[in-house]
Amino acid sequence: MNDSEFQTATSALVDGSRAAREKGSPSLERRIRAFEMRYEMTSDELRRRLASGDQAETAEICEWLLLLAAREGRVAG
């Protein structure tokens, strides 16, 4: 991961923590849906592809995963 990707991932972590405090907010769901549309796959499919090694874990993918964790209440705010 280069410096730019690290900064993006760090920002995503902060955003994910904030989102956890707003768990279930329309904004959180909207952001997740935007990733699903951009990548043309569901969040469940993303997880399957990551587990099988068919999807690279980029800073943007990490942000998506953090949003999912926040929605599921697995990120401390």
PDB file of N, CA and C in Angstrom:
ATOM      1  N   MET A   1       0.855  -1.170   0.000  1.00  0.00           N
ATOM      2  CA  MET A   1       0.000   0.000   0.000  1.00  0.00           C
ATOM      3  C   MET A   1       0.905   1.237   0.000  1.00  0.00           C
ATOM      4  N   ASN A   2       0.643   2.145  -0.936  1.00  0.00           N
ATOM      5  CA  ASN A   2       1.448   3.366  -0.982  1.00  0.00           C
ATOM      6  C   ASN A   2       0.865   4.420  -0.032  1.00  0.00           C
ATOM      7  N   ASP A   3       1.547   5.567   0.074  1.00  0.00           N
ATOM      8  CA  ASP A   3       1.120   6.605   1.020  1.00  0.00           C
ATOM      9  C   ASP A   3      -0.287   7.112   0.740  1.00  0.00           C
ATOM     10  N   SER A   4      -0.603   7.299  -0.519  1.00  0.00           N
ATOM     11  CA  SER A   4      -1.928   7.791  -0.879  1.00  0.00           C
ATOM     12  C   SER A   4      -3.011   6.799  -0.484  1.00  0.00           C
ATOM     13  N   GLU A   5      -2.776   5.526  -0.745  1.00  0.00           N
ATOM     14  CA  GLU A   5      -3.738   4.493  -0.366  1.00  0.00           C
ATOM     15  C   GLU A   5      -3.873   4.408   1.155  1.00  0.00           C
ATOM     16  N   PHE A   6      -2.745   4.571   1.855  1.00  0.00           N
ATOM     17  CA  PHE A   6      -2.780   4.549   3.313  1.00  0.00           C
ATOM     18  C   PHE A   6      -3.632   5.696   3.848  1.00  0.00           C
ATOM     19  N   GLN A   7      -3.450   6.881   3.299  1.00  0.00           N
ATOM     20  CA  GLN A   7      -4.231   8.028   3.748  1.00  0.00           C
ATOM     21  C   GLN A   7      -5.710   7.837   3.441  1.00  0.00           C
ATOM     22  N   THR A   8      -6.011   7.271   2.278  1.00  0.00           N
ATOM     23  CA  THR A   8      -7.400   7.006   1.916  1.00  0.00           C
ATOM     24  C   THR A   8      -8.013   5.998   2.877  1.00  0.00           C
ATOM     25  N   ALA A   9      -7.262   4.936   3.184  1.00  0.00           N
ATOM     26  CA  ALA A   9      -7.758   3.916   4.102  1.00  0.00           C
ATOM     27  C   ALA A   9      -7.949   4.494   5.500  1.00  0.00           C
ATOM     28  N   THR A  10      -7.039   5.347   5.936  1.00  0.00           N
ATOM     29  CA  THR A  10      -7.149   5.970   7.253  1.00  0.00           C
ATOM     30  C   THR A  10      -8.383   6.859   7.318  1.00  0.00           C
ATOM     31  N   SER A  11      -8.597   7.618   6.270  1.00  0.00           N
ATOM     32  CA  SER A  11      -9.796   8.463   6.210  1.00  0.00           C
ATOM     33  C   SER A  11     -11.057   7.612   6.247  1.00  0.00           C
ATOM     34  N   ALA A  12     -11.014   6.489   5.545  1.00  0.00           N
ATOM     35  CA  ALA A  12     -12.159   5.583   5.531  1.00  0.00           C
ATOM     36  C   ALA A  12     -12.418   5.021   6.923  1.00  0.00           C
ATOM     37  N   LEU A  13     -11.356   4.741   7.660  1.00  0.00           N
ATOM     38  CA  LEU A  13     -11.502   4.236   9.023  1.00  0.00           C
ATOM     39  C   LEU A  13     -12.198   5.264   9.898  1.00  0.00           C
ATOM     40  N   VAL A  14     -11.795   6.507   9.791  1.00  0.00           N
ATOM     41  CA  VAL A  14     -12.421   7.585  10.556  1.00  0.00           C
ATOM     42  C   VAL A  14     -13.886   7.718  10.152  1.00  0.00           C
ATOM     43  N   ASP A  15     -14.127   7.710   8.844  1.00  0.00           N
ATOM     44  CA  ASP A  15     -15.506   7.803   8.358  1.00  0.00           C
ATOM     45  C   ASP A  15     -16.337   6.622   8.837  1.00  0.00           C
ATOM     46  N   GLY A  16     -15.741   5.434   8.834  1.00  0.00           N
ATOM     47  CA  GLY A  16     -16.444   4.250   9.296  1.00  0.00           C
ATOM     48  C   GLY A  16     -16.811   4.346  10.763  1.00  0.00           C
ATOM     49  N   SER A  17     -15.919   4.906  11.561  1.00  0.00           N
ATOM     50  CA  SER A  17     -16.207   5.091  12.984  1.00  0.00           C
ATOM     51  C   SER A  17     -17.355   6.070  13.181  1.00  0.00           C
ATOM     52  N   ARG A  18     -17.336   7.125  12.400  1.00  0.00           N
ATOM     53  CA  ARG A  18     -18.437   8.087  12.477  1.00  0.00           C
ATOM     54  C   ARG A  18     -19.742   7.430  12.042  1.00  0.00           C
ATOM     55  N   ALA A  19     -19.659   6.649  10.991  1.00  0.00           N
ATOM     56  CA  ALA A  19     -20.857   5.975  10.483  1.00  0.00           C
ATOM     57  C   ALA A  19     -21.423   5.012  11.514  1.00  0.00           C
ATOM     58  N   ALA A  20     -20.553   4.402  12.317  1.00  0.00           N
ATOM     59  CA  ALA A  20     -21.015   3.469  13.344  1.00  0.00           C
ATOM     60  C   ALA A  20     -21.919   4.173  14.346  1.00  0.00           C
ATOM     61  N   ARG A  21     -21.622   5.420  14.617  1.00  0.00           N
ATOM     62  CA  ARG A  21     -22.464   6.184  15.542  1.00  0.00           C
ATOM     63  C   ARG A  21     -23.817   6.485  14.915  1.00  0.00           C
ATOM     64  N   GLU A  22     -23.860   6.460  13.583  1.00  0.00           N
ATOM     65  CA  GLU A  22     -25.099   6.730  12.857  1.00  0.00           C
ATOM     66  C   GLU A  22     -25.655   5.440  12.274  1.00  0.00           C
ATOM     67  N   LYS A  23     -25.385   4.336  12.928  1.00  0.00           N
ATOM     68  CA  LYS A  23     -25.769   3.013  12.439  1.00  0.00           C
ATOM     69  C   LYS A  23     -27.198   3.017  11.912  1.00  0.00           C
ATOM     70  N   GLY A  24     -27.335   2.472  10.711  1.00  0.00           N
ATOM     71  CA  GLY A  24     -28.649   2.387  10.105  1.00  0.00           C
ATOM     72  C   GLY A  24     -29.097   3.679   9.443  1.00  0.00           C
ATOM     73  N   SER A  25     -28.237   4.658   9.404  1.00  0.00           N
ATOM     74  CA  SER A  25     -28.629   5.924   8.807  1.00  0.00           C
ATOM     75  C   SER A  25     -28.786   5.770   7.302  1.00  0.00           C
ATOM     76  N   PRO A  26     -29.678   6.556   6.703  1.00  0.00           N
ATOM     77  CA  PRO A  26     -29.837   6.504   5.246  1.00  0.00           C
ATOM     78  C   PRO A  26     -28.528   6.803   4.516  1.00  0.00           C
ATOM     79  N   SER A  27     -27.702   7.662   5.087  1.00  0.00           N
ATOM     80  CA  SER A  27     -26.422   8.000   4.463  1.00  0.00           C
ATOM     81  C   SER A  27     -25.517   6.775   4.370  1.00  0.00           C
ATOM     82  N   LEU A  28     -25.469   5.986   5.421  1.00  0.00           N
ATOM     83  CA  LEU A  28     -24.647   4.779   5.447  1.00  0.00           C
ATOM     84  C   LEU A  28     -25.121   3.804   4.371  1.00  0.00           C
ATOM     85  N   GLU A  29     -26.414   3.569   4.307  1.00  0.00           N
ATOM     86  CA  GLU A  29     -26.966   2.660   3.300  1.00  0.00           C
ATOM     87  C   GLU A  29     -26.722   3.186   1.890  1.00  0.00           C
ATOM     88  N   ARG A  30     -26.839   4.461   1.710  1.00  0.00           N
ATOM     89  CA  ARG A  30     -26.617   5.087   0.399  1.00  0.00           C
ATOM     90  C   ARG A  30     -25.170   4.879  -0.055  1.00  0.00           C
ATOM     91  N   ARG A  31     -24.238   5.025   0.871  1.00  0.00           N
ATOM     92  CA  ARG A  31     -22.826   4.851   0.529  1.00  0.00           C
ATOM     93  C   ARG A  31     -22.523   3.403   0.163  1.00  0.00           C
ATOM     94  N   ILE A  32     -23.120   2.460   0.884  1.00  0.00           N
ATOM     95  CA  ILE A  32     -22.921   1.041   0.570  1.00  0.00           C
ATOM     96  C   ILE A  32     -23.499   0.732  -0.809  1.00  0.00           C
ATOM     97  N   ARG A  33     -24.714   1.208  -1.070  1.00  0.00           N
ATOM     98  CA  ARG A  33     -25.331   0.975  -2.382  1.00  0.00           C
ATOM     99  C   ARG A  33     -24.498   1.575  -3.507  1.00  0.00           C
ATOM    100  N   ALA A  34     -23.884   2.722  -3.246  1.00  0.00           N
ATOM    101  CA  ALA A  34     -23.038   3.355  -4.277  1.00  0.00           C
ATOM    102  C   ALA A  34     -21.862   2.441  -4.632  1.00  0.00           C
ATOM    103  N   PHE A  35     -21.244   1.805  -3.639  1.00  0.00           N
ATOM    104  CA  PHE A  35     -20.159   0.859  -3.912  1.00  0.00           C
ATOM    105  C   PHE A  35     -20.677  -0.341  -4.699  1.00  0.00           C
ATOM    106  N   GLU A  36     -21.841  -0.858  -4.298  1.00  0.00           N
ATOM    107  CA  GLU A  36     -22.405  -2.013  -4.997  1.00  0.00           C
ATOM    108  C   GLU A  36     -22.684  -1.686  -6.462  1.00  0.00           C
ATOM    109  N   MET A  37     -23.177  -0.498  -6.709  1.00  0.00           N
ATOM    110  CA  MET A  37     -23.443  -0.088  -8.099  1.00  0.00           C
ATOM    111  C   MET A  37     -22.146   0.126  -8.871  1.00  0.00           C
ATOM    112  N   ARG A  38     -21.166   0.783  -8.250  1.00  0.00           N
ATOM    113  CA  ARG A  38     -19.898   1.061  -8.917  1.00  0.00           C
ATOM    114  C   ARG A  38     -19.187  -0.232  -9.304  1.00  0.00           C
ATOM    115  N   TYR A  39     -19.192  -1.196  -8.419  1.00  0.00           N
ATOM    116  CA  TYR A  39     -18.488  -2.459  -8.656  1.00  0.00           C
ATOM    117  C   TYR A  39     -19.383  -3.544  -9.275  1.00  0.00           C
ATOM    118  N   GLU A  40     -20.666  -3.204  -9.431  1.00  0.00           N
ATOM    119  CA  GLU A  40     -21.631  -4.123 -10.042  1.00  0.00           C
ATOM    120  C   GLU A  40     -21.652  -5.486  -9.347  1.00  0.00           C
ATOM    121  N   MET A  41     -21.699  -5.443  -8.015  1.00  0.00           N
ATOM    122  CA  MET A  41     -21.825  -6.660  -7.220  1.00  0.00           C
ATOM    123  C   MET A  41     -22.409  -6.299  -5.864  1.00  0.00           C
ATOM    124  N   THR A  42     -23.014  -7.292  -5.243  1.00  0.00           N
ATOM    125  CA  THR A  42     -23.541  -7.067  -3.894  1.00  0.00           C
ATOM    126  C   THR A  42     -22.394  -7.098  -2.885  1.00  0.00           C
ATOM    127  N   SER A  43     -22.687  -6.659  -1.702  1.00  0.00           N
ATOM    128  CA  SER A  43     -21.693  -6.707  -0.629  1.00  0.00           C
ATOM    129  C   SER A  43     -21.344  -8.153  -0.278  1.00  0.00           C
ATOM    130  N   ASP A  44     -22.330  -9.034  -0.337  1.00  0.00           N
ATOM    131  CA  ASP A  44     -22.062 -10.456  -0.084  1.00  0.00           C
ATOM    132  C   ASP A  44     -21.122 -11.031  -1.145  1.00  0.00           C
ATOM    133  N   GLU A  45     -21.347 -10.634  -2.399  1.00  0.00           N
ATOM    134  CA  GLU A  45     -20.468 -11.105  -3.479  1.00  0.00           C
ATOM    135  C   GLU A  45     -19.056 -10.564  -3.281  1.00  0.00           C
ATOM    136  N   LEU A  46     -18.920  -9.320  -2.840  1.00  0.00           N
ATOM    137  CA  LEU A  46     -17.598  -8.762  -2.546  1.00  0.00           C
ATOM    138  C   LEU A  46     -16.875  -9.639  -1.536  1.00  0.00           C
ATOM    139  N   ARG A  47     -17.563  -9.980  -0.458  1.00  0.00           N
ATOM    140  CA  ARG A  47     -16.938 -10.800   0.582  1.00  0.00           C
ATOM    141  C   ARG A  47     -16.524 -12.164   0.042  1.00  0.00           C
ATOM    142  N   ARG A  48     -17.369 -12.762  -0.802  1.00  0.00           N
ATOM    143  CA  ARG A  48     -17.014 -14.062  -1.390  1.00  0.00           C
ATOM    144  C   ARG A  48     -15.773 -13.927  -2.274  1.00  0.00           C
ATOM    145  N   ARG A  49     -15.724 -12.870  -3.075  1.00  0.00           N
ATOM    146  CA  ARG A  49     -14.581 -12.669  -3.975  1.00  0.00           C
ATOM    147  C   ARG A  49     -13.294 -12.394  -3.200  1.00  0.00           C
ATOM    148  N   LEU A  50     -13.403 -11.654  -2.121  1.00  0.00           N
ATOM    149  CA  LEU A  50     -12.221 -11.408  -1.289  1.00  0.00           C
ATOM    150  C   LEU A  50     -11.729 -12.708  -0.669  1.00  0.00           C
ATOM    151  N   ALA A  51     -12.660 -13.509  -0.163  1.00  0.00           N
ATOM    152  CA  ALA A  51     -12.295 -14.776   0.479  1.00  0.00           C
ATOM    153  C   ALA A  51     -11.642 -15.744  -0.497  1.00  0.00           C
ATOM    154  N   SER A  52     -12.082 -15.718  -1.758  1.00  0.00           N
ATOM    155  CA  SER A  52     -11.534 -16.635  -2.756  1.00  0.00           C
ATOM    156  C   SER A  52     -10.280 -16.080  -3.434  1.00  0.00           C
ATOM    157  N   GLY A  53      -9.958 -14.808  -3.157  1.00  0.00           N
ATOM    158  CA  GLY A  53      -8.791 -14.193  -3.780  1.00  0.00           C
ATOM    159  C   GLY A  53      -9.061 -13.613  -5.149  1.00  0.00           C
ATOM    160  N   ASP A  54     -10.327 -13.574  -5.551  1.00  0.00           N
ATOM    161  CA  ASP A  54     -10.689 -13.036  -6.860  1.00  0.00           C
ATOM    162  C   ASP A  54     -10.815 -11.517  -6.875  1.00  0.00           C
ATOM    163  N   GLN A  55     -10.771 -10.893  -5.711  1.00  0.00           N
ATOM    164  CA  GLN A  55     -10.894  -9.437  -5.605  1.00  0.00           C
ATOM    165  C   GLN A  55      -9.725  -8.908  -4.783  1.00  0.00           C
ATOM    166  N   ALA A  56      -9.040  -7.914  -5.320  1.00  0.00           N
ATOM    167  CA  ALA A  56      -7.944  -7.277  -4.591  1.00  0.00           C
ATOM    168  C   ALA A  56      -8.522  -6.373  -3.501  1.00  0.00           C
ATOM    169  N   GLU A  57      -7.794  -6.255  -2.399  1.00  0.00           N
ATOM    170  CA  GLU A  57      -8.216  -5.404  -1.300  1.00  0.00           C
ATOM    171  C   GLU A  57      -7.536  -4.042  -1.442  1.00  0.00           C
ATOM    172  N   THR A  58      -8.241  -3.112  -2.058  1.00  0.00           N
ATOM    173  CA  THR A  58      -7.737  -1.758  -2.260  1.00  0.00           C
ATOM    174  C   THR A  58      -8.232  -0.862  -1.124  1.00  0.00           C
ATOM    175  N   ALA A  59      -7.770   0.369  -1.108  1.00  0.00           N
ATOM    176  CA  ALA A  59      -8.234   1.320  -0.097  1.00  0.00           C
ATOM    177  C   ALA A  59      -9.738   1.527  -0.221  1.00  0.00           C
ATOM    178  N   GLU A  60     -10.239   1.585  -1.439  1.00  0.00           N
ATOM    179  CA  GLU A  60     -11.663   1.786  -1.652  1.00  0.00           C
ATOM    180  C   GLU A  60     -12.475   0.575  -1.169  1.00  0.00           C
ATOM    181  N   ILE A  61     -11.960  -0.620  -1.426  1.00  0.00           N
ATOM    182  CA  ILE A  61     -12.623  -1.838  -0.958  1.00  0.00           C
ATOM    183  C   ILE A  61     -12.618  -1.857   0.574  1.00  0.00           C
ATOM    184  N   CYS A  62     -11.530  -1.435   1.187  1.00  0.00           N
ATOM    185  CA  CYS A  62     -11.464  -1.363   2.656  1.00  0.00           C
ATOM    186  C   CYS A  62     -12.514  -0.399   3.200  1.00  0.00           C
ATOM    187  N   GLU A  63     -12.711   0.708   2.512  1.00  0.00           N
ATOM    188  CA  GLU A  63     -13.745   1.661   2.932  1.00  0.00           C
ATOM    189  C   GLU A  63     -15.121   0.996   2.869  1.00  0.00           C
ATOM    190  N   TRP A  64     -15.379   0.274   1.793  1.00  0.00           N
ATOM    191  CA  TRP A  64     -16.643  -0.440   1.645  1.00  0.00           C
ATOM    192  C   TRP A  64     -16.834  -1.430   2.800  1.00  0.00           C
ATOM    193  N   LEU A  65     -15.783  -2.179   3.107  1.00  0.00           N
ATOM    194  CA  LEU A  65     -15.856  -3.152   4.206  1.00  0.00           C
ATOM    195  C   LEU A  65     -16.102  -2.470   5.553  1.00  0.00           C
ATOM    196  N   LEU A  66     -15.494  -1.318   5.750  1.00  0.00           N
ATOM    197  CA  LEU A  66     -15.712  -0.576   6.995  1.00  0.00           C
ATOM    198  C   LEU A  66     -17.157  -0.095   7.104  1.00  0.00           C
ATOM    199  N   LEU A  67     -17.725   0.327   5.998  1.00  0.00           N
ATOM    200  CA  LEU A  67     -19.127   0.732   6.007  1.00  0.00           C
ATOM    201  C   LEU A  67     -20.027  -0.448   6.357  1.00  0.00           C
ATOM    202  N   LEU A  68     -19.701  -1.606   5.800  1.00  0.00           N
ATOM    203  CA  LEU A  68     -20.471  -2.811   6.124  1.00  0.00           C
ATOM    204  C   LEU A  68     -20.347  -3.149   7.604  1.00  0.00           C
ATOM    205  N   ALA A  69     -19.135  -3.048   8.131  1.00  0.00           N
ATOM    206  CA  ALA A  69     -18.916  -3.329   9.555  1.00  0.00           C
ATOM    207  C   ALA A  69     -19.692  -2.340  10.422  1.00  0.00           C
ATOM    208  N   ALA A  70     -19.713  -1.088  10.003  1.00  0.00           N
ATOM    209  CA  ALA A  70     -20.461  -0.071  10.758  1.00  0.00           C
ATOM    210  C   ALA A  70     -21.952  -0.393  10.734  1.00  0.00           C
ATOM    211  N   ARG A  71     -22.455  -0.791   9.586  1.00  0.00           N
ATOM    212  CA  ARG A  71     -23.877  -1.147   9.477  1.00  0.00           C
ATOM    213  C   ARG A  71     -24.217  -2.326  10.394  1.00  0.00           C
ATOM    214  N   GLU A  72     -23.262  -3.242  10.520  1.00  0.00           N
ATOM    215  CA  GLU A  72     -23.481  -4.424  11.350  1.00  0.00           C
ATOM    216  C   GLU A  72     -23.121  -4.196  12.810  1.00  0.00           C
ATOM    217  N   GLY A  73     -22.685  -2.971  13.132  1.00  0.00           N
ATOM    218  CA  GLY A  73     -22.356  -2.631  14.512  1.00  0.00           C
ATOM    219  C   GLY A  73     -21.046  -3.198  14.988  1.00  0.00           C
ATOM    220  N   ARG A  74     -20.122  -3.503  14.055  1.00  0.00           N
ATOM    221  CA  ARG A  74     -18.839  -4.108  14.434  1.00  0.00           C
ATOM    222  C   ARG A  74     -17.703  -3.097  14.467  1.00  0.00           C
ATOM    223  N   VAL A  75     -17.999  -1.802  14.330  1.00  0.00           N
ATOM    224  CA  VAL A  75     -16.958  -0.762  14.385  1.00  0.00           C
ATOM    225  C   VAL A  75     -17.254   0.121  15.583  1.00  0.00           C
ATOM    226  N   ALA A  76     -16.259   0.284  16.458  1.00  0.00           N
ATOM    227  CA  ALA A  76     -16.430   1.144  17.628  1.00  0.00           C
ATOM    228  C   ALA A  76     -16.382   2.592  17.199  1.00  0.00           C
ATOM    229  N   GLY A  77     -17.286   3.396  17.704  1.00  0.00           N
ATOM    230  CA  GLY A  77     -17.367   4.795  17.306  1.00  0.00           C
ATOM    231  C   GLY A  77     -16.676   5.732  18.196  1.00  0.00           C
TER     232      GLY A  77
END
